[in-house]
């Protein structure tokens, strides 16, 4: 009887570990999606004067 309870508990904990492991892995973003979400010109959001130093907004 104890062997069945021990085996059922072991199977439950293995099942719970697999579910926990896959819950937090998530879907990894594709490299194409990362490239599509980036702006074309990364310097477009900064304002520079003639000296090349960023100006305060």
N, C-alpha and C. Protein backbone atom coordinates (compact mmCIF):
# COMPACT_ATOMS: atom_id res chain seq x y z
N UNK A 1 0.82 -1.20 0.00
CA UNK A 1 0.00 0.00 0.00
C UNK A 1 0.86 1.26 0.00
N UNK A 2 1.91 1.26 0.86
CA UNK A 2 2.78 2.43 0.90
C UNK A 2 3.51 2.62 -0.42
N UNK A 3 3.81 1.52 -1.09
CA UNK A 3 4.51 1.62 -2.37
C UNK A 3 3.65 2.35 -3.40
N UNK A 4 2.36 2.09 -3.42
CA UNK A 4 1.46 2.78 -4.36
C UNK A 4 1.36 4.27 -4.04
N UNK A 5 1.28 4.61 -2.76
CA UNK A 5 1.21 6.03 -2.38
C UNK A 5 2.51 6.74 -2.74
N UNK A 6 3.64 6.09 -2.48
CA UNK A 6 4.94 6.68 -2.82
C UNK A 6 5.09 6.86 -4.33
N UNK A 7 4.66 5.88 -5.10
CA UNK A 7 4.75 5.97 -6.55
C UNK A 7 3.82 7.06 -7.10
N UNK A 8 2.62 7.17 -6.56
CA UNK A 8 1.68 8.21 -6.99
C UNK A 8 2.21 9.59 -6.63
N UNK A 9 2.81 9.73 -5.45
CA UNK A 9 3.38 11.01 -5.04
C UNK A 9 4.55 11.40 -5.94
N UNK A 10 5.39 10.43 -6.26
CA UNK A 10 6.52 10.70 -7.17
C UNK A 10 6.04 11.13 -8.55
N UNK A 11 5.03 10.45 -9.07
CA UNK A 11 4.49 10.81 -10.38
C UNK A 11 3.87 12.20 -10.35
N UNK A 12 3.18 12.53 -9.25
CA UNK A 12 2.58 13.86 -9.12
C UNK A 12 3.65 14.94 -9.08
N UNK A 13 4.72 14.72 -8.33
CA UNK A 13 5.76 15.73 -8.23
C UNK A 13 6.52 15.90 -9.54
N UNK A 14 6.72 14.83 -10.26
CA UNK A 14 7.35 14.95 -11.58
C UNK A 14 6.44 15.72 -12.53
N UNK A 15 5.15 15.41 -12.49
CA UNK A 15 4.19 16.13 -13.32
C UNK A 15 4.15 17.62 -12.95
N UNK A 16 4.11 17.91 -11.66
CA UNK A 16 4.07 19.31 -11.21
C UNK A 16 5.35 20.04 -11.60
N UNK A 17 6.50 19.38 -11.54
CA UNK A 17 7.76 20.01 -11.94
C UNK A 17 7.77 20.32 -13.42
N UNK A 18 7.28 19.41 -14.25
CA UNK A 18 7.24 19.66 -15.69
C UNK A 18 6.32 20.82 -16.01
N UNK A 19 5.17 20.89 -15.36
CA UNK A 19 4.24 22.00 -15.58
C UNK A 19 4.88 23.30 -15.14
N UNK A 20 5.51 23.32 -13.96
CA UNK A 20 6.16 24.54 -13.46
C UNK A 20 7.29 24.98 -14.40
N UNK A 21 8.07 24.05 -14.88
CA UNK A 21 9.20 24.36 -15.76
C UNK A 21 8.72 24.98 -17.07
N UNK A 22 7.63 24.46 -17.63
CA UNK A 22 7.15 24.97 -18.91
C UNK A 22 6.32 26.24 -18.75
N UNK A 23 5.75 26.50 -17.59
CA UNK A 23 4.96 27.71 -17.39
C UNK A 23 5.82 28.96 -17.52
N UNK A 24 7.01 28.93 -16.98
CA UNK A 24 7.83 30.13 -16.91
C UNK A 24 8.84 30.23 -18.05
N UNK A 25 8.87 29.27 -18.95
CA UNK A 25 9.81 29.39 -20.06
C UNK A 25 9.34 30.40 -21.08
N UNK A 26 8.04 30.45 -21.37
CA UNK A 26 7.49 31.45 -22.28
C UNK A 26 7.93 31.22 -23.71
N UNK A 27 7.37 32.02 -24.59
CA UNK A 27 7.71 31.96 -26.00
C UNK A 27 8.82 32.95 -26.28
N UNK A 28 9.88 32.47 -26.89
CA UNK A 28 11.01 33.33 -27.21
C UNK A 28 10.67 34.15 -28.45
N UNK A 29 11.01 35.44 -28.46
CA UNK A 29 10.72 36.25 -29.64
C UNK A 29 11.61 35.85 -30.82
N UNK A 30 11.01 35.87 -32.00
CA UNK A 30 11.76 35.57 -33.20
C UNK A 30 12.68 36.74 -33.54
N UNK A 31 13.83 36.47 -34.14
CA UNK A 31 14.72 37.57 -34.54
C UNK A 31 14.04 38.53 -35.52
N UNK A 32 13.14 38.01 -36.37
CA UNK A 32 12.43 38.88 -37.31
C UNK A 32 11.52 39.86 -36.58
N UNK A 33 10.87 39.41 -35.51
CA UNK A 33 10.00 40.30 -34.74
C UNK A 33 10.81 41.38 -34.05
N UNK A 34 11.98 41.04 -33.55
CA UNK A 34 12.82 42.03 -32.88
C UNK A 34 13.26 43.10 -33.88
N UNK A 35 13.63 42.68 -35.08
CA UNK A 35 14.06 43.65 -36.09
C UNK A 35 12.92 44.53 -36.56
N UNK A 36 11.70 44.00 -36.63
CA UNK A 36 10.56 44.79 -37.07
C UNK A 36 10.16 45.83 -36.04
N UNK A 37 10.38 45.56 -34.75
CA UNK A 37 9.97 46.48 -33.71
C UNK A 37 10.99 47.58 -33.44
N UNK A 38 12.20 47.48 -33.99
CA UNK A 38 13.22 48.49 -33.78
C UNK A 38 13.01 49.65 -34.77
N UNK A 39 13.29 50.88 -34.32
CA UNK A 39 13.20 52.00 -35.26
C UNK A 39 14.29 51.90 -36.33
N UNK A 40 14.02 52.48 -37.49
CA UNK A 40 14.99 52.40 -38.59
C UNK A 40 16.25 53.17 -38.26
N UNK A 41 16.10 54.34 -37.65
CA UNK A 41 17.25 55.17 -37.31
C UNK A 41 17.31 55.29 -35.79
N UNK A 42 18.23 54.59 -35.13
CA UNK A 42 18.26 54.64 -33.67
C UNK A 42 18.65 56.01 -33.13
N UNK A 43 19.27 56.87 -33.92
CA UNK A 43 19.67 58.20 -33.48
C UNK A 43 18.55 59.21 -33.67
N UNK A 44 17.40 58.80 -34.17
CA UNK A 44 16.32 59.73 -34.48
C UNK A 44 15.71 60.35 -33.23
N UNK A 45 15.83 59.70 -32.09
CA UNK A 45 15.21 60.20 -30.87
C UNK A 45 16.10 61.16 -30.09
N UNK A 46 17.34 61.37 -30.51
CA UNK A 46 18.23 62.27 -29.80
C UNK A 46 18.39 63.56 -30.59
N UNK A 47 18.52 64.67 -29.88
CA UNK A 47 18.72 65.97 -30.52
C UNK A 47 20.14 66.43 -30.21
N UNK A 48 20.88 66.75 -31.23
CA UNK A 48 22.27 67.18 -31.06
C UNK A 48 22.43 68.59 -31.61
N UNK A 49 23.32 69.36 -30.95
CA UNK A 49 23.68 70.66 -31.53
C UNK A 49 24.94 70.47 -32.36
N UNK A 50 25.56 71.55 -32.81
CA UNK A 50 26.72 71.46 -33.71
C UNK A 50 27.94 70.87 -33.02
N UNK A 51 28.02 70.93 -31.70
CA UNK A 51 29.21 70.42 -31.00
C UNK A 51 29.21 68.90 -30.91
N UNK A 52 28.11 68.27 -31.18
CA UNK A 52 28.02 66.82 -31.12
C UNK A 52 27.60 66.31 -29.76
N UNK A 53 27.49 67.19 -28.78
CA UNK A 53 27.02 66.78 -27.45
C UNK A 53 25.51 66.85 -27.40
N UNK A 54 24.87 65.91 -26.75
CA UNK A 54 23.40 65.97 -26.65
C UNK A 54 22.95 67.19 -25.87
N UNK A 55 21.88 67.82 -26.32
CA UNK A 55 21.36 68.99 -25.64
C UNK A 55 20.31 68.56 -24.63
N UNK A 56 20.14 69.34 -23.60
CA UNK A 56 19.11 69.02 -22.62
C UNK A 56 17.77 69.48 -23.16
N UNK A 57 16.77 68.69 -22.92
CA UNK A 57 15.43 69.00 -23.43
C UNK A 57 14.68 69.88 -22.50
